[in-house]
Amino acid sequence: MNTKQLDRIHTGKGFIAALDQSGGSTPKALLEYGVKENRYSNDEEMFELVHEMRTRIIKTPAFDSEYILGAILFENTMDRSIDGQLTADYLWEKKGIVPFLKVDQGLAALDGGVQVMKPIPGLDDLLKRAVERNIFGTKMRSVIKEANPEGIRKVVEQQFEVGKQIFAAGLVPIIEPEVDINSADKAESEKLLKEEIKKQLSVLDKDVKIMLKLSIPTVNNFYSDLMEDPHVVRVVALSGGYSQKDANEKLKHNHGLIASFSRALSQGLSDGQTNEDFNATLAESIQAIYEASIA
């Protein structure tokens, strides 16, 4: 584990950029960027276009360590290069941004009010490649749609079980049990979720380090106590479908919680923009998300 990167994530000012749309979500991400499906005819062409989009974002002047602590990549992006360097190396060596990798393979069907992660075949091999490519940490997502105690317990247990496997491989896991922002009982789900997270944290080995990626809570500063746990490197927030403006406004009221936005970060960006307009739009978004994260 890179201790310089660990210290930066733990104490640095800024936020984490999520550039990890993958598989089924890639066509939607490209469409929002203005790239229609008639622009590609197979997966390789599709992933080449999305890598061009991510490269454009990463190479923007404002995409810099002054504002951004880390960036989450998709496996395909990790294996590609920017200006002759593997993406993770470019991020850290050229930009001073800590690289993470999305490792989950999507969600299982809704059961008990939640969607746990699908099995992750070949995870050990993927983690080995991630270490070889100088990745610092990983991210994996589950979803909670109802305040079902048993379902939420299953989500958290699975997340921590895989998280321990990831830490043992030399990486810091971002545990992401997302609570659906449209859930009718979101606040109750968050109470149950925090209880289960605390149970898992209480039985971790002393040296284990994790991060948490959570929906912006209904009650401001609800996760402050989790930030104090010695196992927790950082607690970050997903935008969860909120507009960038709404996500930033809610984030400002949660001291110590920093952004890890995807759609809210790329909002307003388009393939057809001139570089000047693209850079200006992204710079404005980065500044706004940064200010919300340090409020």
Protein backbone atom coordinates (compact mmCIF):
# COMPACT_ATOMS: atom_id res chain seq x y z
CA MET A 1 0.00 0.00 0.00
CA ASN A 2 1.28 3.45 -0.96
CA THR A 3 1.43 5.38 2.35
CA LYS A 4 1.67 8.73 0.57
CA GLN A 5 -1.57 7.97 -1.26
CA LEU A 6 -3.18 6.72 1.96
CA ASP A 7 -2.34 9.97 3.73
CA ARG A 8 -3.66 12.02 0.83
CA ILE A 9 -7.01 10.21 0.81
CA HIS A 10 -7.28 10.32 4.60
CA THR A 11 -6.43 13.99 5.17
CA GLY A 12 -6.50 15.78 1.81
CA LYS A 13 -8.99 18.44 0.72
CA GLY A 14 -11.01 17.64 -2.35
CA PHE A 15 -13.23 14.89 -3.73
CA ILE A 16 -13.13 11.62 -5.65
CA ALA A 17 -14.15 11.54 -9.31
CA ALA A 18 -16.10 8.43 -10.35
CA LEU A 19 -15.21 7.54 -13.95
CA ASP A 20 -16.29 3.93 -13.67
CA GLN A 21 -19.42 3.40 -15.77
CA SER A 22 -19.07 -0.08 -17.23
CA GLY A 23 -20.81 -2.82 -19.17
CA GLY A 24 -24.50 -2.03 -19.51
CA SER A 25 -24.14 1.54 -18.25
CA THR A 26 -21.53 2.52 -20.87
CA PRO A 27 -24.01 3.15 -23.74
CA LYS A 28 -26.06 5.42 -21.46
CA ALA A 29 -22.94 7.32 -20.37
CA LEU A 30 -21.93 7.80 -24.01
CA LEU A 31 -25.44 8.89 -25.00
CA GLU A 32 -25.48 11.52 -22.25
CA TYR A 33 -22.14 12.67 -23.66
CA GLY A 34 -23.71 12.99 -27.12
CA VAL A 35 -22.33 9.79 -28.66
CA LYS A 36 -25.16 7.78 -30.24
CA GLU A 37 -25.09 4.00 -30.68
CA ASN A 38 -24.62 4.34 -34.45
CA ARG A 39 -21.09 5.61 -33.72
CA TYR A 40 -19.91 2.10 -32.74
CA SER A 41 -20.68 -1.43 -33.89
CA ASN A 42 -19.13 -3.61 -31.16
CA ASP A 43 -17.89 -3.50 -27.57
CA GLU A 44 -14.30 -2.70 -28.50
CA GLU A 45 -15.36 0.39 -30.47
CA MET A 46 -17.70 1.40 -27.63
CA PHE A 47 -14.97 1.11 -25.00
CA GLU A 48 -12.54 3.01 -27.21
CA LEU A 49 -15.03 5.90 -27.40
CA VAL A 50 -15.65 5.91 -23.64
CA HIS A 51 -11.88 5.87 -23.04
CA GLU A 52 -11.56 8.90 -25.31
CA MET A 53 -14.23 10.62 -23.20
CA ARG A 54 -12.46 9.77 -19.95
CA THR A 55 -9.09 10.77 -21.36
CA ARG A 56 -10.55 14.14 -22.34
CA ILE A 57 -11.88 14.60 -18.80
CA ILE A 58 -8.63 13.53 -17.12
CA LYS A 59 -6.46 15.75 -19.32
CA THR A 60 -8.58 18.84 -18.64
CA PRO A 61 -6.46 21.40 -16.71
CA ALA A 62 -8.97 21.63 -13.83
CA PHE A 63 -8.87 17.85 -13.32
CA ASP A 64 -6.00 18.23 -10.91
CA SER A 65 -4.89 17.34 -7.41
CA GLU A 66 -5.73 20.85 -6.21
CA TYR A 67 -9.39 19.77 -6.27
CA ILE A 68 -9.47 16.01 -6.82
CA LEU A 69 -8.07 13.42 -4.42
CA GLY A 70 -8.82 10.25 -6.37
CA ALA A 71 -10.47 8.80 -9.46
CA ILE A 72 -12.37 5.51 -9.78
CA LEU A 73 -11.72 3.60 -13.00
CA PHE A 74 -13.42 0.75 -14.84
CA GLU A 75 -11.29 -2.36 -15.49
CA ASN A 76 -11.12 -1.60 -19.22
CA THR A 77 -9.85 1.91 -18.45
CA MET A 78 -7.21 0.55 -16.07
CA ASP A 79 -5.83 -1.56 -18.91
CA ARG A 80 -5.64 1.36 -21.36
CA SER A 81 -3.11 4.17 -21.62
CA ILE A 82 -3.03 7.95 -21.74
CA ASP A 83 -0.07 9.50 -23.57
CA GLY A 84 1.84 6.23 -23.38
CA GLN A 85 1.28 5.61 -19.66
CA LEU A 86 -1.20 3.23 -18.07
CA THR A 87 -4.15 5.28 -16.85
CA ALA A 88 -3.40 4.79 -13.14
CA ASP A 89 0.21 5.86 -13.58
CA TYR A 90 -0.83 8.91 -15.58
CA LEU A 91 -3.30 9.92 -12.86
CA TRP A 92 -0.75 9.67 -10.05
CA GLU A 93 2.46 10.74 -11.77
CA LYS A 94 1.08 13.52 -13.99
CA LYS A 95 -1.92 14.69 -12.00
CA GLY A 96 -1.24 13.70 -8.38
CA ILE A 97 -4.60 11.88 -8.25
CA VAL A 98 -4.97 8.52 -6.47
CA PRO A 99 -6.33 5.71 -8.70
CA PHE A 100 -9.12 3.32 -7.66
CA LEU A 101 -10.75 0.43 -9.54
CA LYS A 102 -14.40 -0.67 -9.72
CA VAL A 103 -14.39 -4.45 -9.13
CA ASP A 104 -18.03 -5.51 -8.85
CA GLN A 105 -19.86 -7.25 -11.70
CA GLY A 106 -23.21 -5.57 -11.19
CA LEU A 107 -26.25 -6.23 -9.05
CA ALA A 108 -28.28 -9.36 -8.38
CA ALA A 109 -32.06 -9.25 -8.69
CA LEU A 110 -34.07 -7.42 -6.04
CA ASP A 111 -34.67 -9.67 -3.04
CA GLY A 112 -35.70 -8.66 0.47
CA GLY A 113 -35.76 -4.99 -0.49
CA VAL A 114 -32.09 -4.97 -1.58
CA GLN A 115 -29.79 -5.88 -4.43
CA VAL A 116 -26.59 -7.56 -3.32
CA MET A 117 -23.61 -7.84 -5.65
CA LYS A 118 -23.44 -10.58 -8.22
CA PRO A 119 -20.60 -13.06 -7.66
CA ILE A 120 -17.20 -11.70 -8.76
CA PRO A 121 -15.43 -14.56 -10.56
CA GLY A 122 -11.69 -14.14 -10.90
CA LEU A 123 -11.53 -11.44 -8.24
CA ASP A 124 -8.13 -12.57 -6.91
CA ASP A 125 -6.62 -12.33 -10.40
CA LEU A 126 -8.18 -8.90 -10.94
CA LEU A 127 -6.80 -7.65 -7.63
CA LYS A 128 -3.35 -8.96 -8.53
CA ARG A 129 -3.47 -7.06 -11.85
CA ALA A 130 -4.68 -3.95 -10.03
CA VAL A 131 -1.69 -4.07 -7.67
CA GLU A 132 0.65 -4.55 -10.65
CA ARG A 133 -0.91 -1.47 -12.30
CA ASN A 134 -0.40 0.66 -9.17
CA ILE A 135 -4.06 0.91 -8.19
CA PHE A 136 -4.55 2.10 -4.60
CA GLY A 137 -8.07 0.92 -3.82
CA THR A 138 -11.29 -0.57 -5.16
CA LYS A 139 -15.01 0.17 -5.26
CA MET A 140 -18.04 -2.14 -5.25
CA ARG A 141 -21.74 -1.25 -5.14
CA SER A 142 -24.89 -2.74 -3.65
CA VAL A 143 -28.32 -1.07 -3.46
CA ILE A 144 -30.85 -0.78 -0.63
CA LYS A 145 -34.42 0.05 -1.68
CA GLU A 146 -36.38 -0.78 1.46
CA ALA A 147 -35.80 -0.66 5.21
CA ASN A 148 -35.62 -4.44 5.47
CA PRO A 149 -33.32 -5.40 8.38
CA GLU A 150 -32.43 -8.83 7.01
CA GLY A 151 -31.79 -7.54 3.50
CA ILE A 152 -29.59 -4.71 4.76
CA ARG A 153 -27.65 -7.13 6.95
CA LYS A 154 -26.94 -9.31 3.91
CA VAL A 155 -25.74 -6.32 1.90
CA VAL A 156 -23.33 -5.15 4.58
CA GLU A 157 -22.02 -8.62 5.40
CA GLN A 158 -21.28 -9.31 1.74
CA GLN A 159 -19.59 -5.95 1.28
CA PHE A 160 -17.30 -6.42 4.28
CA GLU A 161 -16.51 -10.03 3.44
CA VAL A 162 -15.29 -9.05 -0.04
CA GLY A 163 -13.67 -5.94 1.43
CA LYS A 164 -11.47 -8.07 3.69
CA GLN A 165 -10.38 -10.11 0.67
CA ILE A 166 -9.48 -6.87 -1.13
CA PHE A 167 -7.50 -5.48 1.80
CA ALA A 168 -5.60 -8.77 2.10
CA ALA A 169 -4.52 -8.29 -1.52
CA GLY A 170 -2.94 -4.94 -0.63
CA LEU A 171 -5.71 -2.56 -1.67
CA VAL A 172 -8.12 -0.30 0.25
CA PRO A 173 -11.76 -1.20 -0.47
CA ILE A 174 -14.48 1.40 -0.91
CA ILE A 175 -17.58 -0.27 0.51
CA GLU A 176 -20.67 1.16 -1.21
CA PRO A 177 -24.10 0.11 0.12
CA GLU A 178 -26.16 2.76 -1.70
CA VAL A 179 -29.55 3.69 -0.27
CA ASP A 180 -31.93 4.57 -3.11
CA ILE A 181 -32.67 8.31 -2.84
CA ASN A 182 -36.26 7.62 -3.96
CA SER A 183 -36.90 5.08 -1.22
CA ALA A 184 -40.06 5.82 0.78
CA ASP A 185 -38.25 4.87 4.01
CA LYS A 186 -34.76 6.18 3.20
CA ALA A 187 -34.09 7.55 6.70
CA GLU A 188 -35.02 4.24 8.35
CA SER A 189 -32.83 2.34 5.88
CA GLU A 190 -29.93 4.62 6.82
CA LYS A 191 -30.41 3.88 10.53
CA LEU A 192 -30.36 0.14 9.90
CA LEU A 193 -27.40 0.50 7.55
CA LYS A 194 -25.32 2.41 10.07
CA GLU A 195 -26.02 -0.17 12.77
CA GLU A 196 -24.84 -2.98 10.49
CA ILE A 197 -21.73 -1.05 9.41
CA LYS A 198 -20.81 -0.46 13.04
CA LYS A 199 -21.20 -4.17 13.80
CA GLN A 200 -18.82 -5.06 10.98
CA LEU A 201 -16.29 -2.37 11.92
CA SER A 202 -16.24 -3.61 15.52
CA VAL A 203 -14.95 -7.05 14.54
CA LEU A 204 -12.35 -6.04 11.92
CA ASP A 205 -8.72 -6.85 12.59
CA LYS A 206 -6.88 -3.84 13.99
CA ASP A 207 -4.83 -3.09 10.86
CA VAL A 208 -7.68 -3.28 8.31
CA LYS A 209 -8.49 -0.02 6.51
CA ILE A 210 -11.63 0.64 4.48
CA MET A 211 -13.53 3.52 2.93
CA LEU A 212 -17.29 4.01 2.83
CA LYS A 213 -19.30 5.40 -0.08
CA LEU A 214 -22.82 6.25 1.04
CA SER A 215 -25.86 8.13 -0.18
CA ILE A 216 -26.08 11.67 1.20
CA PRO A 217 -28.06 11.08 4.42
CA THR A 218 -31.57 12.34 5.15
CA VAL A 219 -30.40 13.67 8.53
CA ASN A 220 -27.41 16.02 8.20
CA ASN A 221 -24.12 14.73 9.64
CA PHE A 222 -25.68 11.31 10.30
CA TYR A 223 -22.46 9.52 9.42
CA SER A 224 -20.10 11.71 11.45
CA ASP A 225 -19.46 8.97 14.01
CA LEU A 226 -18.38 6.55 11.28
CA MET A 227 -15.72 9.06 10.22
CA GLU A 228 -14.14 8.74 13.65
CA ASP A 229 -13.67 4.97 13.47
CA PRO A 230 -9.94 4.09 13.19
CA HIS A 231 -10.66 1.58 10.41
CA VAL A 232 -12.29 4.22 8.18
CA VAL A 233 -9.92 6.14 5.91
CA ARG A 234 -12.65 8.39 4.48
CA VAL A 235 -16.43 8.56 4.03
CA VAL A 236 -17.50 9.75 0.58
CA ALA A 237 -20.92 10.43 -0.91
CA LEU A 238 -22.49 9.35 -4.17
CA SER A 239 -24.81 11.69 -6.05
CA GLY A 240 -27.39 8.92 -6.44
CA GLY A 241 -29.39 10.57 -9.21
CA TYR A 242 -29.56 14.05 -7.71
CA SER A 243 -28.68 16.89 -10.06
CA GLN A 244 -25.25 18.38 -9.47
CA LYS A 245 -26.83 21.48 -7.88
CA ASP A 246 -29.00 19.46 -5.48
CA ALA A 247 -26.22 17.02 -4.60
CA ASN A 248 -23.82 19.87 -3.84
CA GLU A 249 -26.39 21.68 -1.72
CA LYS A 250 -27.10 18.58 0.36
CA LEU A 251 -23.39 17.78 0.67
CA LYS A 252 -22.61 21.23 2.08
CA HIS A 253 -24.67 20.42 5.16
CA ASN A 254 -22.66 17.29 5.97
CA HIS A 255 -19.32 18.29 7.49
CA GLY A 256 -16.47 15.95 6.61
CA LEU A 257 -18.44 14.09 3.93
CA ILE A 258 -16.82 14.53 0.51
CA ALA A 259 -18.17 13.84 -2.97
CA SER A 260 -17.56 10.82 -5.13
CA PHE A 261 -19.76 11.87 -8.02
CA SER A 262 -20.16 10.35 -11.48
CA ARG A 263 -23.16 11.72 -13.38
CA ALA A 264 -23.11 14.94 -11.37
CA LEU A 265 -19.46 15.46 -12.34
CA SER A 266 -19.95 14.95 -16.08
CA GLN A 267 -23.20 16.93 -16.21
CA GLY A 268 -23.17 19.35 -19.14
CA LEU A 269 -20.24 17.76 -20.96
CA SER A 270 -20.64 16.90 -24.65
CA ASP A 271 -18.59 15.26 -27.36
CA GLY A 272 -19.44 18.15 -29.67
CA GLN A 273 -18.12 20.90 -27.39
CA THR A 274 -15.00 22.78 -28.33
CA ASN A 275 -12.09 22.13 -25.97
CA GLU A 276 -12.54 25.63 -24.58
CA ASP A 277 -16.21 25.04 -23.74
CA PHE A 278 -15.57 21.51 -22.48
CA ASN A 279 -12.76 22.64 -20.19
CA ALA A 280 -14.78 25.58 -18.88
CA THR A 281 -17.86 23.44 -18.15
CA LEU A 282 -15.84 20.79 -16.34
CA ALA A 283 -13.82 23.40 -14.43
CA GLU A 284 -17.05 24.98 -13.18
CA SER A 285 -18.38 21.59 -12.05
CA ILE A 286 -15.13 20.64 -10.34
CA GLN A 287 -15.01 23.95 -8.48
CA ALA A 288 -18.61 23.61 -7.28
CA ILE A 289 -18.19 19.98 -6.15
CA TYR A 290 -14.89 20.84 -4.44
CA GLU A 291 -16.47 23.71 -2.49
CA ALA A 292 -19.35 21.49 -1.39
CA SER A 293 -16.86 18.83 -0.28
CA ILE A 294 -14.80 21.13 1.92
CA ALA A 295 -17.76 23.02 3.42
